[in-house]
């Protein structure tokens, strides 16, 4: 089980700089605008060709509907990052289960995870125009407190791609250590896991 069955799922986070709330179809236009502004960075971050140059708002609606359903069904939790006045989407936060294969590899590599029953992989992206303002650092600081205080996970691993030098520096600069590297394929690269 990914998350304790009877434990509440946090409804979000409110701060002076940003707001987190569960991603839903009502965020469609704001999310689409942020995704398309950040598409080149997202391709490196996601180790994929997503989003394509011709990615449509209809395709984005399908993605948001899937994330909303997964959140409701407690399969994975996705939060949109909004400006405090909710006028702009600033990015997204994904809290996901780990595959059985990844869990086995992590247990073998990191003894501190062997007693963890509820593990989560956390990844996030921030809109390109907000990176210059350091919003990714602010978000990471907020997540570092919010996740252990509000969620019932035993351990959270931050995940990024080996092509996202900015996030790697952010994680290592905060004292996290890389505990696992999962290669996707030769074309796209590897996912890096930090605790």
C-alpha atoms as a PDB file:
ATOM      1  CA  UNK A   1       0.000   0.000   0.000  1.00  0.00           C
ATOM      2  CA  UNK A   2       1.329   3.426  -0.989  1.00  0.00           C
ATOM      3  CA  UNK A   3      -0.339   5.482   1.764  1.00  0.00           C
ATOM      4  CA  UNK A   4      -2.043   4.492   5.039  1.00  0.00           C
ATOM      5  CA  UNK A   5      -5.681   3.777   4.267  1.00  0.00           C
ATOM      6  CA  UNK A   6      -7.203   5.744   7.139  1.00  0.00           C
ATOM      7  CA  UNK A   7      -4.804   8.687   7.243  1.00  0.00           C
ATOM      8  CA  UNK A   8      -5.914  12.013   5.782  1.00  0.00           C
ATOM      9  CA  UNK A   9      -4.301  13.414   2.657  1.00  0.00           C
ATOM     10  CA  UNK A  10      -3.299  17.062   3.134  1.00  0.00           C
ATOM     11  CA  UNK A  11      -5.489  19.496   1.246  1.00  0.00           C
ATOM     12  CA  UNK A  12      -2.568  21.772   0.480  1.00  0.00           C
ATOM     13  CA  UNK A  13      -0.194  24.422   1.697  1.00  0.00           C
ATOM     14  CA  UNK A  14      -0.612  28.176   1.880  1.00  0.00           C
ATOM     15  CA  UNK A  15       2.283  30.603   2.198  1.00  0.00           C
ATOM     16  CA  UNK A  16       2.993  34.218   1.290  1.00  0.00           C
ATOM     17  CA  UNK A  17       4.865  33.136  -1.839  1.00  0.00           C
ATOM     18  CA  UNK A  18       2.951  30.130  -3.147  1.00  0.00           C
ATOM     19  CA  UNK A  19      -0.067  27.908  -2.659  1.00  0.00           C
ATOM     20  CA  UNK A  20      -0.246  24.152  -3.183  1.00  0.00           C
ATOM     21  CA  UNK A  21      -3.581  22.516  -3.886  1.00  0.00           C
ATOM     22  CA  UNK A  22      -4.563  19.225  -5.497  1.00  0.00           C
ATOM     23  CA  UNK A  23      -4.220  19.475  -9.275  1.00  0.00           C
ATOM     24  CA  UNK A  24      -7.542  19.219 -11.047  1.00  0.00           C
ATOM     25  CA  UNK A  25      -9.194  19.933 -14.363  1.00  0.00           C
ATOM     26  CA  UNK A  26     -10.170  23.391 -13.097  1.00  0.00           C
ATOM     27  CA  UNK A  27      -6.485  24.352 -13.354  1.00  0.00           C
ATOM     28  CA  UNK A  28      -6.420  23.428 -17.051  1.00  0.00           C
ATOM     29  CA  UNK A  29      -5.675  26.772 -18.703  1.00  0.00           C
ATOM     30  CA  UNK A  30      -3.212  27.958 -16.054  1.00  0.00           C
ATOM     31  CA  UNK A  31      -1.387  24.615 -16.054  1.00  0.00           C
ATOM     32  CA  UNK A  32      -1.228  24.454 -19.851  1.00  0.00           C
ATOM     33  CA  UNK A  33       0.297  27.921 -20.036  1.00  0.00           C
ATOM     34  CA  UNK A  34       2.983  26.979 -17.479  1.00  0.00           C
ATOM     35  CA  UNK A  35       3.743  23.654 -19.187  1.00  0.00           C
ATOM     36  CA  UNK A  36       4.178  25.231 -22.616  1.00  0.00           C
ATOM     37  CA  UNK A  37       6.403  28.011 -21.250  1.00  0.00           C
ATOM     38  CA  UNK A  38       8.620  25.395 -19.613  1.00  0.00           C
ATOM     39  CA  UNK A  39       8.525  22.614 -22.220  1.00  0.00           C
ATOM     40  CA  UNK A  40      12.283  22.381 -22.925  1.00  0.00           C
ATOM     41  CA  UNK A  41      13.123  22.150 -19.219  1.00  0.00           C
ATOM     42  CA  UNK A  42      10.312  19.645 -18.666  1.00  0.00           C
ATOM     43  CA  UNK A  43      11.724  17.318 -21.312  1.00  0.00           C
ATOM     44  CA  UNK A  44      15.036  17.120 -19.450  1.00  0.00           C
ATOM     45  CA  UNK A  45      13.307  16.883 -16.058  1.00  0.00           C
ATOM     46  CA  UNK A  46      10.915  14.109 -17.162  1.00  0.00           C
ATOM     47  CA  UNK A  47      13.468  12.262 -19.329  1.00  0.00           C
ATOM     48  CA  UNK A  48      10.926  12.147 -22.118  1.00  0.00           C
ATOM     49  CA  UNK A  49       9.680  13.990 -25.174  1.00  0.00           C
ATOM     50  CA  UNK A  50       6.820  15.451 -23.128  1.00  0.00           C
ATOM     51  CA  UNK A  51       5.476  17.960 -23.808  1.00  0.00           C
ATOM     52  CA  UNK A  52       5.837  17.993 -27.563  1.00  0.00           C
ATOM     53  CA  UNK A  53       5.869  21.297 -29.411  1.00  0.00           C
ATOM     54  CA  UNK A  54       2.345  20.554 -30.636  1.00  0.00           C
ATOM     55  CA  UNK A  55       1.023  19.413 -27.230  1.00  0.00           C
ATOM     56  CA  UNK A  56      -2.627  20.470 -27.103  1.00  0.00           C
ATOM     57  CA  UNK A  57      -4.801  21.752 -24.312  1.00  0.00           C
ATOM     58  CA  UNK A  58      -7.006  18.688 -24.869  1.00  0.00           C
ATOM     59  CA  UNK A  59      -4.040  16.413 -24.192  1.00  0.00           C
ATOM     60  CA  UNK A  60      -3.289  18.447 -21.094  1.00  0.00           C
ATOM     61  CA  UNK A  61      -6.897  17.973 -19.970  1.00  0.00           C
ATOM     62  CA  UNK A  62      -6.412  14.194 -20.220  1.00  0.00           C
ATOM     63  CA  UNK A  63      -3.268  14.434 -18.072  1.00  0.00           C
ATOM     64  CA  UNK A  64      -4.988  16.570 -15.446  1.00  0.00           C
ATOM     65  CA  UNK A  65      -8.016  14.280 -15.313  1.00  0.00           C
ATOM     66  CA  UNK A  66      -5.731  11.279 -14.750  1.00  0.00           C
ATOM     67  CA  UNK A  67      -3.815  13.075 -11.971  1.00  0.00           C
ATOM     68  CA  UNK A  68      -7.068  14.168 -10.340  1.00  0.00           C
ATOM     69  CA  UNK A  69      -8.427  10.610 -10.398  1.00  0.00           C
ATOM     70  CA  UNK A  70      -5.185   9.171  -8.996  1.00  0.00           C
ATOM     71  CA  UNK A  71      -5.250  11.741  -6.207  1.00  0.00           C
ATOM     72  CA  UNK A  72      -8.863  10.932  -5.345  1.00  0.00           C
ATOM     73  CA  UNK A  73      -8.138   7.183  -5.412  1.00  0.00           C
ATOM     74  CA  UNK A  74      -4.951   7.694  -3.309  1.00  0.00           C
ATOM     75  CA  UNK A  75      -2.785   6.090  -5.987  1.00  0.00           C
ATOM     76  CA  UNK A  76      -0.506   9.154  -6.259  1.00  0.00           C
ATOM     77  CA  UNK A  77      -0.828  12.768  -5.152  1.00  0.00           C
ATOM     78  CA  UNK A  78      -0.291  15.701  -7.497  1.00  0.00           C
ATOM     79  CA  UNK A  79      -0.412  19.315  -6.381  1.00  0.00           C
ATOM     80  CA  UNK A  80      -0.392  22.408  -8.519  1.00  0.00           C
ATOM     81  CA  UNK A  81       1.786  25.304  -7.406  1.00  0.00           C
ATOM     82  CA  UNK A  82      -0.135  28.543  -7.669  1.00  0.00           C
ATOM     83  CA  UNK A  83       0.678  32.187  -7.090  1.00  0.00           C
ATOM     84  CA  UNK A  84      -0.871  33.370  -3.796  1.00  0.00           C
ATOM     85  CA  UNK A  85      -3.716  35.087  -5.688  1.00  0.00           C
ATOM     86  CA  UNK A  86      -4.251  31.937  -7.829  1.00  0.00           C
ATOM     87  CA  UNK A  87      -3.708  33.957 -11.007  1.00  0.00           C
ATOM     88  CA  UNK A  88      -0.845  31.804 -12.341  1.00  0.00           C
ATOM     89  CA  UNK A  89       0.331  28.224 -12.198  1.00  0.00           C
ATOM     90  CA  UNK A  90       3.966  28.150 -11.093  1.00  0.00           C
ATOM     91  CA  UNK A  91       4.601  24.411 -11.493  1.00  0.00           C
ATOM     92  CA  UNK A  92       3.639  21.039 -10.041  1.00  0.00           C
ATOM     93  CA  UNK A  93       4.578  18.648  -7.218  1.00  0.00           C
ATOM     94  CA  UNK A  94       4.226  14.868  -7.666  1.00  0.00           C
ATOM     95  CA  UNK A  95       4.125  12.436  -4.748  1.00  0.00           C
ATOM     96  CA  UNK A  96       4.240   8.942  -6.176  1.00  0.00           C
ATOM     97  CA  UNK A  97       4.684   5.327  -5.146  1.00  0.00           C
ATOM     98  CA  UNK A  98       7.918   3.544  -5.936  1.00  0.00           C
ATOM     99  CA  UNK A  99       7.948   0.429  -8.102  1.00  0.00           C
ATOM    100  CA  UNK A 100       8.689  -2.897  -6.407  1.00  0.00           C
ATOM    101  CA  UNK A 101      11.948  -3.124  -8.349  1.00  0.00           C
ATOM    102  CA  UNK A 102      13.028   0.330  -7.189  1.00  0.00           C
ATOM    103  CA  UNK A 103      12.120  -0.459  -3.579  1.00  0.00           C
ATOM    104  CA  UNK A 104      14.225  -3.648  -3.674  1.00  0.00           C
ATOM    105  CA  UNK A 105      17.179  -1.767  -5.131  1.00  0.00           C
ATOM    106  CA  UNK A 106      16.825   1.010  -2.566  1.00  0.00           C
ATOM    107  CA  UNK A 107      16.641  -1.444   0.314  1.00  0.00           C
ATOM    108  CA  UNK A 108      19.830  -3.087  -0.892  1.00  0.00           C
ATOM    109  CA  UNK A 109      21.599   0.257  -1.314  1.00  0.00           C
ATOM    110  CA  UNK A 110      20.310   2.214   1.673  1.00  0.00           C
ATOM    111  CA  UNK A 111      19.949   0.430   5.003  1.00  0.00           C
ATOM    112  CA  UNK A 112      18.145   3.386   6.538  1.00  0.00           C
ATOM    113  CA  UNK A 113      15.123   2.572   4.370  1.00  0.00           C
ATOM    114  CA  UNK A 114      14.741  -1.061   5.423  1.00  0.00           C
ATOM    115  CA  UNK A 115      12.228  -0.333   8.177  1.00  0.00           C
ATOM    116  CA  UNK A 116      10.142   2.084   6.099  1.00  0.00           C
ATOM    117  CA  UNK A 117       6.658   0.799   5.324  1.00  0.00           C
ATOM    118  CA  UNK A 118       5.341   3.843   3.463  1.00  0.00           C
ATOM    119  CA  UNK A 119       7.793   5.291   0.941  1.00  0.00           C
ATOM    120  CA  UNK A 120       7.159   8.107  -1.507  1.00  0.00           C
ATOM    121  CA  UNK A 121       9.043   9.570  -4.442  1.00  0.00           C
ATOM    122  CA  UNK A 122       8.668  13.350  -4.625  1.00  0.00           C
ATOM    123  CA  UNK A 123       9.468  15.325  -7.731  1.00  0.00           C
ATOM    124  CA  UNK A 124       8.592  18.841  -8.795  1.00  0.00           C
ATOM    125  CA  UNK A 125       9.079  21.380 -11.514  1.00  0.00           C
ATOM    126  CA  UNK A 126       8.867  25.137 -11.430  1.00  0.00           C
ATOM    127  CA  UNK A 127       7.842  27.392 -14.275  1.00  0.00           C
ATOM    128  CA  UNK A 128      10.820  28.669 -16.291  1.00  0.00           C
ATOM    129  CA  UNK A 129      10.132  32.352 -15.535  1.00  0.00           C
ATOM    130  CA  UNK A 130      10.099  31.604 -11.770  1.00  0.00           C
ATOM    131  CA  UNK A 131      13.519  29.925 -11.654  1.00  0.00           C
ATOM    132  CA  UNK A 132      15.352  33.263 -11.852  1.00  0.00           C
ATOM    133  CA  UNK A 133      13.428  34.302  -8.739  1.00  0.00           C
ATOM    134  CA  UNK A 134      14.583  31.166  -6.904  1.00  0.00           C
ATOM    135  CA  UNK A 135      11.097  29.756  -6.475  1.00  0.00           C
ATOM    136  CA  UNK A 136      12.430  26.209  -6.737  1.00  0.00           C
ATOM    137  CA  UNK A 137      14.548  26.802  -3.605  1.00  0.00           C
ATOM    138  CA  UNK A 138      11.623  28.327  -1.742  1.00  0.00           C
ATOM    139  CA  UNK A 139       9.393  25.411  -2.771  1.00  0.00           C
ATOM    140  CA  UNK A 140      11.983  22.822  -1.734  1.00  0.00           C
ATOM    141  CA  UNK A 141      12.332  24.467   1.703  1.00  0.00           C
ATOM    142  CA  UNK A 142       8.561  24.444   2.159  1.00  0.00           C
ATOM    143  CA  UNK A 143       8.281  20.804   1.009  1.00  0.00           C
ATOM    144  CA  UNK A 144      11.060  19.773   3.382  1.00  0.00           C
ATOM    145  CA  UNK A 145       8.863  20.828   6.319  1.00  0.00           C
ATOM    146  CA  UNK A 146       5.402  20.170   4.908  1.00  0.00           C
ATOM    147  CA  UNK A 147       5.934  16.572   3.795  1.00  0.00           C
ATOM    148  CA  UNK A 148       7.092  15.116   7.149  1.00  0.00           C
ATOM    149  CA  UNK A 149       4.663  17.230   9.179  1.00  0.00           C
ATOM    150  CA  UNK A 150       1.505  16.647   7.153  1.00  0.00           C
ATOM    151  CA  UNK A 151       1.903  13.270   5.430  1.00  0.00           C
ATOM    152  CA  UNK A 152       2.159   9.812   6.978  1.00  0.00           C
ATOM    153  CA  UNK A 153       5.101   8.565   4.932  1.00  0.00           C
ATOM    154  CA  UNK A 154       7.964   6.885   6.786  1.00  0.00           C
ATOM    155  CA  UNK A 155      10.446   8.222   4.270  1.00  0.00           C
ATOM    156  CA  UNK A 156      10.363  10.588   1.320  1.00  0.00           C
ATOM    157  CA  UNK A 157      12.891  10.447  -1.513  1.00  0.00           C
ATOM    158  CA  UNK A 158      13.371  13.444  -3.779  1.00  0.00           C
ATOM    159  CA  UNK A 159      13.752  12.422  -7.410  1.00  0.00           C
ATOM    160  CA  UNK A 160      15.133  14.283 -10.389  1.00  0.00           C
ATOM    161  CA  UNK A 161      16.855  13.505 -13.666  1.00  0.00           C
ATOM    162  CA  UNK A 162      20.605  13.397 -14.184  1.00  0.00           C
ATOM    163  CA  UNK A 163      20.091  16.218 -16.697  1.00  0.00           C
ATOM    164  CA  UNK A 164      18.618  18.657 -14.172  1.00  0.00           C
ATOM    165  CA  UNK A 165      21.802  20.161 -12.732  1.00  0.00           C
ATOM    166  CA  UNK A 166      19.858  22.846 -10.894  1.00  0.00           C
ATOM    167  CA  UNK A 167      17.787  20.357  -8.870  1.00  0.00           C
ATOM    168  CA  UNK A 168      20.800  18.120  -8.227  1.00  0.00           C
ATOM    169  CA  UNK A 169      22.642  21.133  -6.803  1.00  0.00           C
ATOM    170  CA  UNK A 170      19.561  22.096  -4.791  1.00  0.00           C
ATOM    171  CA  UNK A 171      19.310  18.648  -3.194  1.00  0.00           C
ATOM    172  CA  UNK A 172      23.017  18.163  -2.505  1.00  0.00           C
ATOM    173  CA  UNK A 173      23.323  21.736  -1.229  1.00  0.00           C
ATOM    174  CA  UNK A 174      20.610  20.967   1.305  1.00  0.00           C
ATOM    175  CA  UNK A 175      22.580  17.986   2.584  1.00  0.00           C
ATOM    176  CA  UNK A 176      20.623  15.240   0.832  1.00  0.00           C
ATOM    177  CA  UNK A 177      22.630  12.323  -0.491  1.00  0.00           C
ATOM    178  CA  UNK A 178      22.058  10.388  -3.654  1.00  0.00           C
ATOM    179  CA  UNK A 179      21.163   6.809  -2.753  1.00  0.00           C
ATOM    180  CA  UNK A 180      20.111   5.329  -6.063  1.00  0.00           C
ATOM    181  CA  UNK A 181      20.345   5.878  -9.811  1.00  0.00           C
ATOM    182  CA  UNK A 182      17.821   4.282 -12.135  1.00  0.00           C
ATOM    183  CA  UNK A 183      18.686   4.273 -15.820  1.00  0.00           C
ATOM    184  CA  UNK A 184      15.696   4.624 -18.102  1.00  0.00           C
ATOM    185  CA  UNK A 185      17.456   4.125 -21.423  1.00  0.00           C
ATOM    186  CA  UNK A 186      20.512   5.384 -23.292  1.00  0.00           C
ATOM    187  CA  UNK A 187      18.547   8.059 -25.053  1.00  0.00           C
ATOM    188  CA  UNK A 188      17.000   9.848 -22.125  1.00  0.00           C
ATOM    189  CA  UNK A 189      19.191   9.337 -19.063  1.00  0.00           C
ATOM    190  CA  UNK A 190      18.731   8.351 -15.434  1.00  0.00           C
ATOM    191  CA  UNK A 191      16.558   9.184 -12.457  1.00  0.00           C
ATOM    192  CA  UNK A 192      18.431  10.110  -9.304  1.00  0.00           C
ATOM    193  CA  UNK A 193      16.994   9.446  -5.837  1.00  0.00           C
ATOM    194  CA  UNK A 194      18.022  11.574  -2.846  1.00  0.00           C
ATOM    195  CA  UNK A 195      17.351  11.246   0.911  1.00  0.00           C
END
